[in-house]
N, C-alpha and C. Protein backbone atom coordinates (compact mmCIF):
# COMPACT_ATOMS: atom_id res chain seq x y z
N MET A 1 0.82 -1.38 0.17
CA MET A 1 0.07 0.03 -0.06
C MET A 1 0.91 0.89 0.16
N THR A 2 0.22 2.41 -0.87
CA THR A 2 1.14 3.77 -0.90
C THR A 2 1.27 4.39 0.38
N ASP A 3 1.84 4.87 0.64
CA ASP A 3 1.88 6.13 1.83
C ASP A 3 0.58 6.71 1.46
N GLU A 4 0.10 7.29 0.52
CA GLU A 4 -1.07 8.08 0.22
C GLU A 4 -2.23 7.18 0.67
N ARG A 5 -1.85 5.95 0.17
CA ARG A 5 -3.61 5.32 0.41
C ARG A 5 -3.48 4.43 1.51
N LEU A 6 -2.54 4.58 2.46
CA LEU A 6 -2.39 4.10 3.70
C LEU A 6 -2.91 5.05 4.50
N ALA A 7 -2.72 6.67 4.07
CA ALA A 7 -2.88 7.78 4.69
C ALA A 7 -4.45 8.00 4.99
N PHE A 8 -5.23 7.77 3.58
CA PHE A 8 -6.09 7.67 3.34
C PHE A 8 -7.03 6.53 4.14
N ALA A 9 -6.61 5.75 4.42
CA ALA A 9 -7.23 4.44 5.05
C ALA A 9 -7.46 5.11 6.48
N ILE A 10 -6.25 5.46 6.88
CA ILE A 10 -6.23 5.76 8.60
C ILE A 10 -7.10 6.58 8.56
N ARG A 11 -7.30 7.91 7.75
CA ARG A 11 -8.50 9.18 8.09
C ARG A 11 -9.69 8.36 8.22
N ARG A 12 -9.60 7.62 7.09
CA ARG A 12 -11.48 6.81 6.69
C ARG A 12 -11.79 5.99 8.38
N LEU A 13 -10.64 5.54 8.66
CA LEU A 13 -10.84 4.59 10.13
C LEU A 13 -11.05 5.40 11.27
N ASP A 14 -10.38 6.46 11.05
CA ASP A 14 -10.81 7.63 12.33
C ASP A 14 -11.91 8.03 12.57
N ARG A 15 -12.47 8.49 10.92
CA ARG A 15 -13.88 9.28 10.89
C ARG A 15 -14.63 7.92 11.29
N ALA A 16 -14.44 6.65 10.90
CA ALA A 16 -15.52 5.69 11.52
C ALA A 16 -15.63 5.37 12.98
N LEU A 17 -14.47 5.58 13.55
CA LEU A 17 -14.33 5.51 15.17
C LEU A 17 -15.04 6.59 15.85
N ALA A 18 -14.90 7.58 15.45
CA ALA A 18 -15.35 8.99 15.64
C ALA A 18 -17.03 8.92 15.57
N ARG A 19 -17.54 8.15 14.67
CA ARG A 19 -18.92 8.12 14.45
C ARG A 19 -19.33 6.93 15.48
N VAL A 20 -18.59 6.03 15.58
CA VAL A 20 -18.95 4.83 16.78
C VAL A 20 -19.02 5.57 17.88
N GLU A 21 -17.99 6.51 18.16
CA GLU A 21 -18.09 6.70 19.69
C GLU A 21 -19.33 7.93 20.08
N ALA A 22 -19.85 8.48 18.95
CA ALA A 22 -20.28 9.53 19.22
C ALA A 22 -21.76 8.75 19.18
N ALA A 23 -22.24 7.73 18.51
CA ALA A 23 -23.49 6.56 18.63
C ALA A 23 -23.46 6.34 20.17
N SER A 24 -22.04 5.80 20.34
CA SER A 24 -22.05 5.19 21.86
C SER A 24 -22.68 6.23 22.95
N ALA A 25 -21.94 7.63 22.91
CA ALA A 25 -22.24 8.43 23.90
C ALA A 25 -23.96 8.80 23.62
N ARG A 26 -24.50 8.75 22.34
CA ARG A 26 -25.60 9.13 22.75
C ARG A 26 -26.52 7.89 23.03
N ALA A 27 -26.27 6.94 22.77
CA ALA A 27 -26.94 5.59 23.39
C ALA A 27 -26.66 5.44 24.98
N ALA A 28 -25.54 5.66 25.43
CA ALA A 28 -25.42 5.92 26.73
C ALA A 28 -26.25 6.82 27.78
N ALA A 29 -26.34 8.07 27.00
CA ALA A 29 -26.89 9.12 27.69
C ALA A 29 -28.85 9.08 27.67
N LYS A 30 -29.08 8.10 26.66
CA LYS A 30 -30.44 8.04 26.97
C LYS A 30 -31.12 6.59 27.59
N PRO A 31 -31.69 6.39 28.64
CA PRO A 31 -31.66 5.32 29.23
C PRO A 31 -32.60 4.81 28.33
N ASP A 32 -32.08 3.17 28.61
CA ASP A 32 -33.42 2.36 27.71
C ASP A 32 -34.13 1.64 29.20
N PRO A 33 -35.24 1.94 29.11
CA PRO A 33 -36.35 1.38 30.18
C PRO A 33 -36.27 -0.51 29.98
N GLU A 34 -36.00 -0.71 28.84
CA GLU A 34 -36.43 -2.21 28.50
C GLU A 34 -34.88 -2.70 28.97
N LEU A 35 -33.51 -1.92 28.97
CA LEU A 35 -32.61 -2.83 29.40
C LEU A 35 -32.70 -2.56 30.66
N ALA A 36 -33.13 -1.59 31.47
CA ALA A 36 -32.98 -1.43 33.11
C ALA A 36 -33.92 -2.57 33.55
N ARG A 37 -34.91 -2.96 32.84
CA ARG A 37 -35.92 -4.18 33.35
C ARG A 37 -34.91 -5.01 33.22
N LEU A 38 -34.24 -5.65 32.07
CA LEU A 38 -33.79 -6.68 32.24
C LEU A 38 -32.70 -7.09 33.13
N MET A 39 -31.81 -5.96 33.45
CA MET A 39 -30.84 -5.96 34.45
C MET A 39 -31.22 -6.04 35.62
N GLN A 40 -32.46 -5.51 36.27
CA GLN A 40 -33.16 -6.03 37.64
C GLN A 40 -33.22 -7.35 37.42
N ARG A 41 -33.99 -7.73 36.31
CA ARG A 41 -34.35 -9.26 36.57
C ARG A 41 -33.01 -10.12 36.46
N HIS A 42 -32.07 -9.60 36.01
CA HIS A 42 -30.82 -10.70 36.13
C HIS A 42 -30.23 -10.40 37.27
N GLU A 43 -30.14 -9.34 38.00
CA GLU A 43 -30.02 -9.15 39.43
C GLU A 43 -30.50 -10.15 40.37
N ARG A 44 -32.12 -10.17 39.96
CA ARG A 44 -32.89 -10.78 40.91
C ARG A 44 -32.57 -12.65 40.64
N LEU A 45 -32.47 -13.00 39.72
CA LEU A 45 -32.35 -14.18 39.23
C LEU A 45 -30.81 -14.77 39.67
N ARG A 46 -29.83 -14.03 39.91
CA ARG A 46 -28.20 -14.05 40.31
C ARG A 46 -28.60 -14.37 41.70
N ASP A 47 -29.50 -13.37 42.08
CA ASP A 47 -29.23 -13.70 43.69
C ASP A 47 -30.03 -15.01 43.90
N ARG A 48 -30.98 -15.16 43.35
CA ARG A 48 -31.88 -16.70 43.72
C ARG A 48 -30.95 -17.91 43.37
N THR A 49 -30.15 -17.79 42.44
CA THR A 49 -29.07 -18.79 41.79
C THR A 49 -28.20 -18.57 43.11
N LYS A 50 -27.57 -17.74 43.60
CA LYS A 50 -26.48 -17.74 44.92
C LYS A 50 -27.07 -18.26 46.28
N GLU A 51 -29.01 -17.97 46.21
CA GLU A 51 -29.29 -18.50 47.48
C GLU A 51 -29.66 -20.18 47.16
N ALA A 52 -29.74 -20.85 45.97
CA ALA A 52 -30.12 -21.99 45.36
C ALA A 52 -28.63 -22.80 45.76
N ILE A 53 -28.06 -22.06 45.48
CA ILE A 53 -26.41 -23.01 45.50
C ILE A 53 -26.23 -23.35 46.79
N ALA A 54 -26.22 -22.19 47.83
CA ALA A 54 -26.04 -21.98 48.90
C ALA A 54 -26.76 -23.13 49.84
N SER A 55 -28.07 -23.48 49.60
CA SER A 55 -28.90 -24.27 50.05
C SER A 55 -28.49 -25.66 49.72
N LEU A 56 -28.26 -25.79 48.58
CA LEU A 56 -27.39 -27.30 48.12
C LEU A 56 -25.97 -27.65 48.94
N ASP A 57 -25.62 -26.31 49.09
CA ASP A 57 -24.06 -26.35 49.66
C ASP A 57 -24.19 -27.00 51.03
N ARG A 58 -25.38 -26.31 51.82
CA ARG A 58 -25.75 -26.76 53.21
C ARG A 58 -26.05 -28.21 53.22
N LEU A 59 -27.05 -28.79 52.44
CA LEU A 59 -27.67 -29.78 52.31
C LEU A 59 -26.89 -31.17 52.00
N ILE A 60 -25.62 -30.39 51.36
CA ILE A 60 -24.43 -31.73 50.88
C ILE A 60 -23.46 -31.55 52.00
N GLY A 61 -23.64 -30.47 52.71
CA GLY A 61 -22.44 -30.69 53.86
C GLY A 61 -21.06 -29.88 53.42
N ALA A 62 -21.43 -29.01 52.63
CA ALA A 62 -19.84 -28.63 51.88
C ALA A 62 -19.17 -27.26 52.90
C-alpha cells in the first residue's frame, strides 16, 4: 500500500471510529427502560441462584 493510500485508509478509520464513539455516547445518555428492566431481572435471578447454591451446599454439607 502506498503511503497516500495508507493515510487515506487511516483517515477513514478515524472518521468511522468517531461515528461509533458518538453513537455510543448518545446511547449511553438515553436510558433504555427495557435494558433497565432486564438488568433488574438479571440481578434477581443471580441472587436466587446464589441462594439456591448456598442451600445445596448446606444440604451436601460442604
